[in-house]
Amino acid sequence: MKLFSILCVLVLLSSNIYAYEEIPDDAKSHKEDNSTQVIASQAPDAKSRLGKNTILNLSGSGSENINVVLVDKSVKRLYIALLSKDSMEVIKEFPILTGRVDGNKVKRGDEKTPEGVYYVTSYSSGDELVKKYGEYALIYGAGSFPLNYPNIVDKIENKTGGGIWLHGVKPDLDKTYTQGCVAMNNTNFASLYDSVTISTPTIISEKLLYADVNNYDKNRQQLLDILKSFITAWQENDKDLFKKMVHSKFKTASGSNYKRYVNNKINLMDIYPDKVIRNSNTKVFMKDDNYTLFDTDQYYCAANLSTFTNKKYYFIQEDGGLKLISEETSSKPIQNVPGLDNDIKSFVENWASSWRNKDIEKYMTNYDFRFKSGREDYSQWKEKKGILFAKGDNINLNISDIKWSYSGGEYKVEFIQEYSSGDVKDKGIKTLTLSGCPSFFKIKSETWRAI
C-alpha cells in the first residue's frame, strides 16, 4: 500500500475517511530551525518580553483558574496564560512554527494556519501516533493536541480542511514551517503538555493585541458590556434590541438560522415574560477586534423551566458592531449553579420567619395561588393558618438539614422541621415543592411526615 506523505494531517487508511488533510510530498523534509529557537518556557522570560504590557485577547469576569494558549503568528510565538477571575498573566512563552503560506486558512491544502478561537479536542503521545499511523508520524515528535478546526464560525464562512494540531517536531528535519499546524520543539512541547488539557481554549491570531493594564481593564469591560446588553435584552424582553444584536448570517450546528433563532426567542419572551438569567465563570476570547467568543456558564429560569449550561457565544462584526453569529450549548448539573443553594435556603428561612412572626399576609406571599396540601387549596390554607396565628401562642420553629433537587420544572426542598406552639409539639420532614425562580419562588405544594 502506498503511504501518503503527511505533516499536519493524516489519512485514516482503515476506513478511507480523511480525518486529517493530505499534504505535499516534501513533508518529510519539514524541520524546526533549532538554531533560532531559544527555549523560553519559564514565567520570568515571558514577563521580561512583555514588560508592563498584557494581552487584550484574553479576559474574563469571575473566571475559574484556567490556562489558555495564545498564538501570535506575526512573531511566531506561543504564550500560555493563566486566566483568574478578572485578570490574566502570561506564565510561559516559546517560539513556534506555523503554516508555510501567510494568512488565514480558507480551504483544504492552502498551507495556512487558521485564525480564530479553538479548543483542544484530544491528546496523543508520539508513541501513540506512530502506533496508530505508522513511521511518518515520527515527524510529530513528542505528541499532538488536535484543535476543533473548522469550528462553527469557520463553517459559516465556508472554510474547509482539518487536522490542525498543536504538536512537537522531530529534531532532524530541515524545514521551518508547517502545512497549517502550530509546531514547536519537543522540549517546549513537554512544557505545553504540562499546561494543556482537553478543552483548553486556544486563540490563534495574525497579531495579538497588547496593551498596558489600564487599557486592558477598559477593553475587558467594553466586551463584557456587549454580553450584558445581549442578556439584558433577552431577560427584559427588549425584542428590538435583541434582534439587532443577532448577526444576519447567524447559524447553529443544528441548522437554526437568523429567522428561526430570533422568532423562537421572541415567542419564548411572550410565553415566559418573567425570567432570571445569570452568567458566571465568564471568559472572553478575542481573535481580533472583529471576532470575540464569550465562554460562560448560564443559569436560565422561567416559570416552569430551569437550565444550567455552558454557553459559547460567537460574536462577529456587522454594521459597525459585534453581533451574535452562533452559539453552542452543553448541559451542566443545575445543583452547581453559583448562588442557587443560597437562594433556596434564603427563601425557606424567610418563609419560616414569617411563620414565626405570625404575619399571615407575608406568609401567604410565599405560596402559589394554585397551592395544594392534601385537600386544602390556597384559600383554605390561608384561612386555617390565619386562625392558628390569631391564637396568640408563641411559635418556636427550627429548620435544619435543608436539601433540594430539581426535576420537571420544579424544585423539591426537604428539611427537618421542629415545631412547638402552645400544647402542640412535633418534629418531622417537611417537603416544599417550589415553582418559579429566585426572587419569585412560590410554594406549589407542601407535605409533612413525623420522625
Protein backbone atom coordinates (compact mmCIF):
# COMPACT_ATOMS: atom_id res chain seq x y z
CA MET A 1 0.00 0.00 0.00
CA LYS A 2 1.31 3.43 -0.91
CA LEU A 3 1.89 5.62 2.14
CA PHE A 4 0.88 9.25 1.84
CA SER A 5 3.38 11.93 2.82
CA ILE A 6 1.93 13.94 5.63
CA LEU A 7 2.69 16.73 8.09
CA CYS A 8 -0.26 18.24 9.90
CA VAL A 9 -2.71 15.76 8.57
CA LEU A 10 -3.08 12.06 8.13
CA VAL A 11 -5.43 9.68 6.36
CA LEU A 12 -7.27 7.01 8.30
CA LEU A 13 -6.37 4.23 5.89
CA SER A 14 -8.52 1.60 7.55
CA SER A 15 -11.77 3.45 6.79
CA ASN A 16 -10.71 5.62 3.84
CA ILE A 17 -12.13 8.63 5.68
CA TYR A 18 -9.93 11.72 5.74
CA ALA A 19 -9.57 12.61 9.37
CA TYR A 20 -6.63 14.88 8.57
CA GLU A 21 -5.59 16.71 5.46
CA GLU A 22 -3.19 15.22 2.89
CA ILE A 23 -0.25 17.49 2.06
CA PRO A 24 2.64 17.60 -0.45
CA ASP A 25 5.47 15.08 -0.73
CA ASP A 26 8.06 17.45 0.74
CA ALA A 27 6.57 16.85 4.18
CA LYS A 28 9.41 14.51 5.06
CA SER A 29 11.81 17.43 4.88
CA HIS A 30 9.85 19.57 7.38
CA LYS A 31 12.00 20.80 10.24
CA GLU A 32 12.18 23.17 13.15
CA ASP A 33 15.16 25.53 12.95
CA ASN A 34 16.62 24.85 16.38
CA SER A 35 19.40 27.39 15.89
CA THR A 36 16.93 30.26 16.15
CA GLN A 37 14.53 28.77 18.69
CA VAL A 38 15.76 29.60 22.16
CA ILE A 39 13.71 27.79 24.77
CA ALA A 40 11.76 30.36 26.79
CA SER A 41 9.39 28.25 28.81
CA GLN A 42 9.52 29.87 32.24
CA ALA A 43 7.40 32.72 33.52
CA PRO A 44 10.25 35.25 34.11
CA ASP A 45 11.23 35.08 30.43
CA ALA A 46 7.67 35.69 29.30
CA LYS A 47 7.23 38.61 31.69
CA SER A 48 10.52 40.12 30.58
CA ARG A 49 9.49 40.00 26.94
CA LEU A 50 6.09 41.60 27.57
CA GLY A 51 7.34 44.18 30.07
CA LYS A 52 4.39 46.04 31.61
CA ASN A 53 2.10 45.08 28.75
CA THR A 54 -0.59 42.44 28.80
CA ILE A 55 -2.58 40.68 26.06
CA LEU A 56 -6.06 42.02 25.30
CA ASN A 57 -7.19 38.85 23.52
CA LEU A 58 -7.90 37.13 26.83
CA SER A 59 -10.01 38.41 29.73
CA GLY A 60 -12.91 37.39 31.93
CA SER A 61 -15.29 38.06 34.79
CA GLY A 62 -15.18 35.81 37.81
CA SER A 63 -13.40 33.18 35.78
CA GLU A 64 -12.25 29.96 37.35
CA ASN A 65 -8.49 29.48 37.04
CA ILE A 66 -7.75 28.11 33.57
CA ASN A 67 -4.80 28.05 31.22
CA VAL A 68 -5.26 29.48 27.74
CA VAL A 69 -3.00 29.09 24.71
CA LEU A 70 -2.40 32.23 22.63
CA VAL A 71 -0.62 32.16 19.27
CA ASP A 72 0.82 35.25 17.60
CA LYS A 73 1.58 34.27 14.00
CA SER A 74 3.33 37.57 13.21
CA VAL A 75 6.17 36.91 15.65
CA LYS A 76 5.89 33.09 15.69
CA ARG A 77 5.28 32.98 19.43
CA LEU A 78 3.03 30.85 21.62
CA TYR A 79 2.02 32.08 25.08
CA ILE A 80 0.40 30.14 27.87
CA ALA A 81 -1.61 32.46 30.07
CA LEU A 82 -3.39 31.90 33.36
CA LEU A 83 -6.85 33.47 33.44
CA SER A 84 -8.00 34.04 37.01
CA LYS A 85 -11.21 35.89 37.94
CA ASP A 86 -10.80 39.29 36.22
CA SER A 87 -7.15 39.22 35.17
CA MET A 88 -4.63 37.25 33.14
CA GLU A 89 -0.94 36.52 33.49
CA VAL A 90 1.43 35.07 30.91
CA ILE A 91 3.24 32.18 32.56
CA LYS A 92 5.10 30.59 29.63
CA GLU A 93 6.31 31.62 26.20
CA PHE A 94 8.20 29.89 23.41
CA PRO A 95 8.81 30.08 19.65
CA ILE A 96 6.74 28.10 17.18
CA LEU A 97 6.36 27.21 13.53
CA THR A 98 3.20 28.00 11.58
CA GLY A 99 1.94 27.43 8.04
CA ARG A 100 4.19 27.83 5.00
CA VAL A 101 1.78 30.37 3.49
CA ASP A 102 0.88 33.59 5.31
CA GLY A 103 -2.74 34.47 6.01
CA ASN A 104 -5.85 32.90 7.49
CA LYS A 105 -6.71 29.37 6.41
CA VAL A 106 -9.59 29.23 3.92
CA LYS A 107 -9.52 25.85 2.23
CA ARG A 108 -8.04 22.40 2.39
CA GLY A 109 -4.42 22.30 1.30
CA ASP A 110 -3.74 26.06 1.29
CA GLU A 111 -0.94 25.52 3.86
CA LYS A 112 -2.14 28.37 6.07
CA THR A 113 -2.65 28.33 9.83
CA PRO A 114 -6.25 29.19 10.74
CA GLU A 115 -7.13 32.17 12.89
CA GLY A 116 -9.88 32.06 15.47
CA VAL A 117 -10.79 30.66 18.86
CA TYR A 118 -10.49 26.91 19.16
CA TYR A 119 -10.46 24.17 21.80
CA VAL A 120 -8.16 21.20 22.30
CA THR A 121 -10.16 18.06 21.49
CA SER A 122 -7.76 15.23 22.43
CA TYR A 123 -4.14 14.26 23.05
CA SER A 124 -1.84 11.63 21.55
CA SER A 125 1.73 10.91 22.58
CA GLY A 126 4.41 10.44 19.94
CA ASP A 127 4.40 6.67 20.53
CA GLU A 128 0.61 6.52 20.18
CA LEU A 129 0.78 8.42 16.89
CA VAL A 130 3.39 6.04 15.47
CA LYS A 131 1.39 3.04 16.60
CA LYS A 132 -1.76 4.44 15.02
CA TYR A 133 -0.41 5.96 11.79
CA GLY A 134 3.00 4.39 11.16
CA GLU A 135 6.53 5.76 10.67
CA TYR A 136 5.53 9.10 9.16
CA ALA A 137 4.00 10.08 12.48
CA LEU A 138 7.58 10.41 13.76
CA ILE A 139 7.55 13.95 12.38
CA TYR A 140 5.23 14.94 15.23
CA GLY A 141 7.93 14.37 17.81
CA ALA A 142 6.66 14.22 21.38
CA GLY A 143 2.94 14.26 20.54
CA SER A 144 -0.05 16.32 19.46
CA PHE A 145 -3.09 18.24 20.67
CA PRO A 146 -5.72 18.39 17.88
CA LEU A 147 -7.91 21.52 17.69
CA ASN A 148 -11.56 21.77 16.64
CA TYR A 149 -10.87 23.48 13.31
CA PRO A 150 -13.12 24.09 11.45
CA ASN A 151 -15.30 25.44 14.24
CA ILE A 152 -18.85 26.72 13.77
CA VAL A 153 -17.69 30.17 12.61
CA ASP A 154 -15.31 28.63 10.06
CA LYS A 155 -18.17 26.52 8.72
CA ILE A 156 -20.46 29.53 8.41
CA GLU A 157 -17.67 31.19 6.41
CA ASN A 158 -17.42 28.04 4.22
CA LYS A 159 -13.87 27.23 5.25
CA THR A 160 -12.62 23.71 4.61
CA GLY A 161 -9.78 21.45 5.69
CA GLY A 162 -8.97 19.95 9.06
CA GLY A 163 -6.31 18.27 11.11
CA ILE A 164 -4.96 21.40 12.74
CA TRP A 165 -2.82 20.40 15.68
CA LEU A 166 -0.51 21.80 18.31
CA HIS A 167 2.37 19.35 18.06
CA GLY A 168 6.03 18.59 18.58
CA VAL A 169 8.62 18.34 15.84
CA LYS A 170 11.15 15.65 15.02
CA PRO A 171 14.52 17.42 15.55
CA ASP A 172 16.36 16.22 12.42
CA LEU A 173 14.09 17.70 9.74
CA ASP A 174 15.16 20.67 7.62
CA LYS A 175 12.13 22.99 7.17
CA THR A 176 10.99 25.96 9.21
CA TYR A 177 7.25 25.85 8.55
CA THR A 178 4.25 23.55 8.74
CA GLN A 179 1.34 22.89 6.43
CA GLY A 180 -1.01 24.73 8.79
CA CYS A 181 -0.37 23.35 12.28
CA VAL A 182 1.31 25.12 15.18
CA ALA A 183 4.53 23.23 15.96
CA MET A 184 7.34 23.52 18.47
CA ASN A 185 10.44 21.61 19.53
CA ASN A 186 9.96 18.64 21.80
CA THR A 187 11.29 20.42 24.90
CA ASN A 188 8.70 23.15 24.52
CA PHE A 189 6.00 20.63 23.69
CA ALA A 190 6.72 19.00 27.05
CA SER A 191 6.13 22.40 28.66
CA LEU A 192 2.88 22.73 26.70
CA TYR A 193 1.85 19.26 27.84
CA ASP A 194 2.22 20.35 31.46
CA SER A 195 -0.22 23.24 30.92
CA VAL A 196 -2.79 21.97 28.43
CA THR A 197 -5.70 19.56 28.79
CA ILE A 198 -8.64 18.53 26.65
CA SER A 199 -10.91 21.59 26.19
CA THR A 200 -8.11 24.11 26.76
CA PRO A 201 -9.02 27.27 24.78
CA THR A 202 -6.58 28.24 22.03
CA ILE A 203 -6.59 31.70 20.44
CA ILE A 204 -4.76 31.96 17.11
CA SER A 205 -4.32 35.45 15.69
CA GLU A 206 -2.27 37.04 12.96
CA LYS A 207 -1.19 39.56 15.57
CA LEU A 208 -2.22 39.54 19.20
CA LEU A 209 -3.33 42.81 20.80
CA TYR A 210 -1.05 44.18 23.52
CA ALA A 211 -1.79 46.97 25.99
CA ASP A 212 -0.99 48.28 29.44
CA VAL A 213 -3.05 47.28 32.46
CA ASN A 214 -5.38 50.30 32.33
CA ASN A 215 -6.31 49.70 28.70
CA TYR A 216 -6.69 46.01 29.44
CA ASP A 217 -9.35 46.71 32.08
CA LYS A 218 -11.14 49.19 29.82
CA ASN A 219 -11.22 46.79 26.89
CA ARG A 220 -12.35 43.95 29.15
CA GLN A 221 -15.29 45.96 30.45
CA GLN A 222 -16.34 47.10 26.97
CA LEU A 223 -16.54 43.50 25.81
CA LEU A 224 -18.38 42.34 28.93
CA ASP A 225 -20.89 45.15 28.35
CA ILE A 226 -21.72 43.63 24.96
CA LEU A 227 -22.61 40.30 26.55
CA LYS A 228 -24.53 42.11 29.28
CA SER A 229 -26.58 44.05 26.70
CA PHE A 230 -27.45 40.83 24.88
CA ILE A 231 -28.52 39.03 28.08
CA THR A 232 -30.41 42.07 29.39
CA ALA A 233 -32.34 42.45 26.13
CA TRP A 234 -33.34 38.80 26.41
CA GLN A 235 -34.25 38.93 30.09
CA GLU A 236 -36.18 42.18 29.86
CA ASN A 237 -37.97 41.20 26.64
CA ASP A 238 -36.47 44.03 24.57
CA LYS A 239 -37.28 42.40 21.25
CA ASP A 240 -35.94 45.18 19.02
CA LEU A 241 -32.55 45.33 20.72
CA PHE A 242 -32.32 41.54 20.82
CA LYS A 243 -32.93 41.27 17.09
CA LYS A 244 -30.34 43.96 16.39
CA MET A 245 -27.71 42.02 18.32
CA VAL A 246 -28.04 38.87 16.19
CA HIS A 247 -25.90 38.62 13.04
CA SER A 248 -27.74 38.28 9.72
CA LYS A 249 -25.69 35.14 8.94
CA PHE A 250 -26.48 33.51 12.29
CA LYS A 251 -26.41 29.73 12.17
CA THR A 252 -26.01 26.86 14.60
CA ALA A 253 -24.70 23.33 14.15
CA SER A 254 -28.30 22.07 14.23
CA GLY A 255 -29.20 24.27 11.26
CA SER A 256 -31.07 27.09 13.00
CA ASN A 257 -30.74 30.38 11.10
CA TYR A 258 -31.38 34.03 11.97
CA LYS A 259 -35.13 33.91 11.38
CA ARG A 260 -35.72 30.66 13.25
CA TYR A 261 -33.49 31.63 16.17
CA VAL A 262 -34.93 35.12 16.64
CA ASN A 263 -38.55 34.02 16.23
CA ASN A 264 -38.07 31.26 18.79
CA LYS A 265 -36.57 33.65 21.33
CA ILE A 266 -39.32 36.20 20.82
CA ASN A 267 -42.00 33.52 21.22
CA LEU A 268 -40.37 32.46 24.49
CA MET A 269 -40.33 36.08 25.65
CA ASP A 270 -44.10 36.15 25.16
CA ILE A 271 -44.64 32.80 26.88
CA TYR A 272 -42.23 33.47 29.76
CA PRO A 273 -42.06 37.24 30.32
CA ASP A 274 -40.67 36.75 33.84
CA LYS A 275 -37.29 35.06 33.87
CA VAL A 276 -33.93 35.03 35.57
CA ILE A 277 -30.73 34.75 33.52
CA ARG A 278 -27.42 34.69 35.34
CA ASN A 279 -23.97 34.32 33.87
CA SER A 280 -20.91 33.21 35.79
CA ASN A 281 -17.38 31.98 35.14
CA THR A 282 -17.25 34.16 32.02
CA LYS A 283 -14.20 34.02 29.75
CA VAL A 284 -13.67 36.41 26.84
CA PHE A 285 -11.54 35.23 23.91
CA MET A 286 -10.75 37.65 21.07
CA LYS A 287 -9.21 36.68 17.78
CA ASP A 288 -9.13 40.39 16.94
CA ASP A 289 -11.46 43.40 17.05
CA ASN A 290 -13.82 41.64 14.64
CA TYR A 291 -14.24 38.30 16.41
CA THR A 292 -14.99 37.61 20.09
CA LEU A 293 -16.14 34.47 21.86
CA PHE A 294 -17.84 34.61 25.25
CA ASP A 295 -17.47 31.30 27.06
CA THR A 296 -19.84 31.49 30.02
CA ASP A 297 -21.86 29.34 32.41
CA GLN A 298 -25.51 30.37 32.23
CA TYR A 299 -28.45 29.75 34.55
CA TYR A 300 -31.81 30.27 32.87
CA CYS A 301 -35.01 30.11 34.89
CA ALA A 302 -38.61 30.80 33.84
CA ALA A 303 -41.95 29.82 35.34
CA ASN A 304 -41.61 26.07 34.78
CA LEU A 305 -38.17 25.67 33.25
CA SER A 306 -34.67 25.90 34.69
CA THR A 307 -31.42 25.02 32.93
CA PHE A 308 -27.74 25.36 33.67
CA THR A 309 -25.46 25.23 30.66
CA ASN A 310 -22.11 26.26 29.33
CA LYS A 311 -22.72 28.72 26.52
CA LYS A 312 -20.26 29.67 23.83
CA TYR A 313 -21.49 32.87 22.19
CA TYR A 314 -19.59 33.78 19.00
CA PHE A 315 -19.81 37.49 18.11
CA ILE A 316 -18.65 38.83 14.72
CA GLN A 317 -18.61 42.41 13.41
CA GLU A 318 -21.56 43.53 11.29
CA ASP A 319 -22.79 47.07 10.63
CA GLY A 320 -20.24 48.58 12.97
CA GLY A 321 -20.84 46.35 15.99
CA LEU A 322 -20.29 42.87 17.34
CA LYS A 323 -23.30 40.62 16.76
CA LEU A 324 -24.09 37.03 17.68
CA ILE A 325 -23.32 34.75 14.72
CA SER A 326 -23.59 31.41 16.51
CA GLU A 327 -23.89 29.72 19.88
CA GLU A 328 -23.02 26.31 21.29
CA THR A 329 -24.58 24.79 24.39
CA SER A 330 -23.61 21.97 26.72
CA SER A 331 -25.51 20.93 29.85
CA LYS A 332 -24.22 21.22 33.41
CA PRO A 333 -25.76 19.94 36.67
CA ILE A 334 -28.23 22.50 37.96
CA GLN A 335 -27.06 21.80 41.52
CA ASN A 336 -23.81 23.56 40.51
CA VAL A 337 -25.44 26.92 39.76
CA PRO A 338 -23.48 29.50 41.78
CA GLY A 339 -25.63 31.02 44.49
CA LEU A 340 -28.72 28.88 43.82
CA ASP A 341 -28.29 26.88 47.01
CA ASN A 342 -28.25 30.13 48.99
CA ASP A 343 -31.31 31.41 47.08
CA ILE A 344 -33.34 28.35 48.02
CA LYS A 345 -32.20 28.33 51.65
CA SER A 346 -32.88 32.06 51.92
CA PHE A 347 -36.42 31.55 50.61
CA VAL A 348 -37.06 28.80 53.16
CA GLU A 349 -35.69 30.91 56.01
CA ASN A 350 -37.84 33.90 55.02
CA TRP A 351 -40.89 31.66 54.80
CA ALA A 352 -40.11 30.28 58.27
CA SER A 353 -39.56 33.78 59.66
CA SER A 354 -43.00 34.96 58.51
CA TRP A 355 -44.48 31.85 60.15
CA ARG A 356 -42.68 32.53 63.47
CA ASN A 357 -43.85 36.14 63.34
CA LYS A 358 -47.44 35.04 62.55
CA ASP A 359 -47.56 37.54 59.67
CA ILE A 360 -50.31 35.92 57.62
CA GLU A 361 -50.07 38.29 54.66
CA LYS A 362 -46.31 37.98 54.31
CA TYR A 363 -46.55 34.25 54.97
CA MET A 364 -49.02 33.71 52.13
CA THR A 365 -46.94 35.69 49.63
CA ASN A 366 -44.69 32.62 49.60
CA TYR A 367 -47.49 30.46 48.19
CA ASP A 368 -48.65 29.90 44.64
CA PHE A 369 -52.36 30.62 44.07
CA ARG A 370 -52.55 27.04 42.72
CA PHE A 371 -51.22 25.70 46.03
CA LYS A 372 -52.42 22.31 47.27
CA SER A 373 -51.78 20.47 50.53
CA GLY A 374 -53.87 17.35 50.69
CA ARG A 375 -57.43 18.54 50.14
CA GLU A 376 -56.71 22.13 51.09
CA ASP A 377 -56.24 24.78 48.43
CA TYR A 378 -54.72 28.26 48.74
CA SER A 379 -57.81 29.91 50.33
CA GLN A 380 -58.40 27.08 52.79
CA TRP A 381 -54.73 27.04 53.76
CA LYS A 382 -54.76 30.79 54.38
CA GLU A 383 -57.91 30.54 56.50
CA LYS A 384 -56.51 27.70 58.61
CA LYS A 385 -53.17 29.40 59.19
CA GLY A 386 -54.87 32.71 59.96
CA ILE A 387 -56.88 31.10 62.74
CA LEU A 388 -53.78 29.47 64.22
CA PHE A 389 -51.78 32.71 64.05
CA ALA A 390 -54.60 34.61 65.78
CA LYS A 391 -54.48 32.37 68.89
CA GLY A 392 -51.53 34.35 70.18
CA ASP A 393 -49.39 31.40 71.21
CA ASN A 394 -45.68 31.83 70.59
CA ILE A 395 -44.36 29.78 67.68
CA ASN A 396 -40.98 28.13 68.01
CA LEU A 397 -39.71 26.81 64.70
CA ASN A 398 -36.32 25.32 63.94
CA ILE A 399 -35.26 24.24 60.47
CA SER A 400 -32.15 22.22 59.67
CA ASP A 401 -30.51 19.98 57.07
CA ILE A 402 -32.02 21.70 54.03
CA LYS A 403 -31.63 19.67 50.83
CA TRP A 404 -33.08 20.24 47.39
CA SER A 405 -33.36 18.76 43.92
CA TYR A 406 -34.74 19.88 40.59
CA SER A 407 -36.93 17.95 38.17
CA GLY A 408 -39.71 18.67 35.71
CA GLY A 409 -39.71 22.40 36.21
CA GLU A 410 -39.98 22.23 40.00
CA TYR A 411 -37.61 22.48 42.95
CA LYS A 412 -38.25 19.96 45.72
CA VAL A 413 -36.91 21.17 49.07
CA GLU A 414 -36.70 18.88 52.11
CA PHE A 415 -35.60 19.71 55.64
CA ILE A 416 -36.04 18.71 59.27
CA GLN A 417 -38.69 20.85 60.96
CA GLU A 418 -39.06 21.13 64.73
CA TYR A 419 -42.21 22.98 65.77
CA SER A 420 -43.84 23.94 69.05
CA SER A 421 -46.71 26.28 69.89
CA GLY A 422 -48.92 26.11 72.96
CA ASP A 423 -49.62 22.45 73.67
CA VAL A 424 -48.51 21.30 70.23
CA LYS A 425 -45.02 19.98 69.66
CA ASP A 426 -43.74 17.90 66.74
CA LYS A 427 -40.71 17.03 64.65
CA GLY A 428 -40.76 15.83 61.08
CA ILE A 429 -39.62 16.07 57.49
CA LYS A 430 -41.17 18.99 55.63
CA THR A 431 -41.19 18.95 51.83
CA LEU A 432 -41.88 22.11 49.85
CA THR A 433 -42.36 21.96 46.10
CA LEU A 434 -41.36 25.28 44.56
CA SER A 435 -42.27 26.72 41.20
CA GLY A 436 -40.80 29.87 39.69
CA CYS A 437 -37.29 31.22 40.15
CA PRO A 438 -35.06 33.04 42.62
CA SER A 439 -36.75 36.35 43.52
CA PHE A 440 -40.16 34.88 42.68
CA PHE A 441 -40.20 31.34 44.06
CA LYS A 442 -43.65 30.14 45.16
CA ILE A 443 -44.69 27.09 47.17
CA LYS A 444 -46.80 24.90 44.93
CA SER A 445 -47.37 22.08 47.43
CA GLU A 446 -46.36 21.13 50.94
CA THR A 447 -46.18 17.84 52.87
CA TRP A 448 -45.00 16.77 56.30
CA ARG A 449 -44.26 13.43 57.94
CA ALA A 450 -43.32 12.75 61.52
CA ILE A 451 -39.94 11.38 62.54
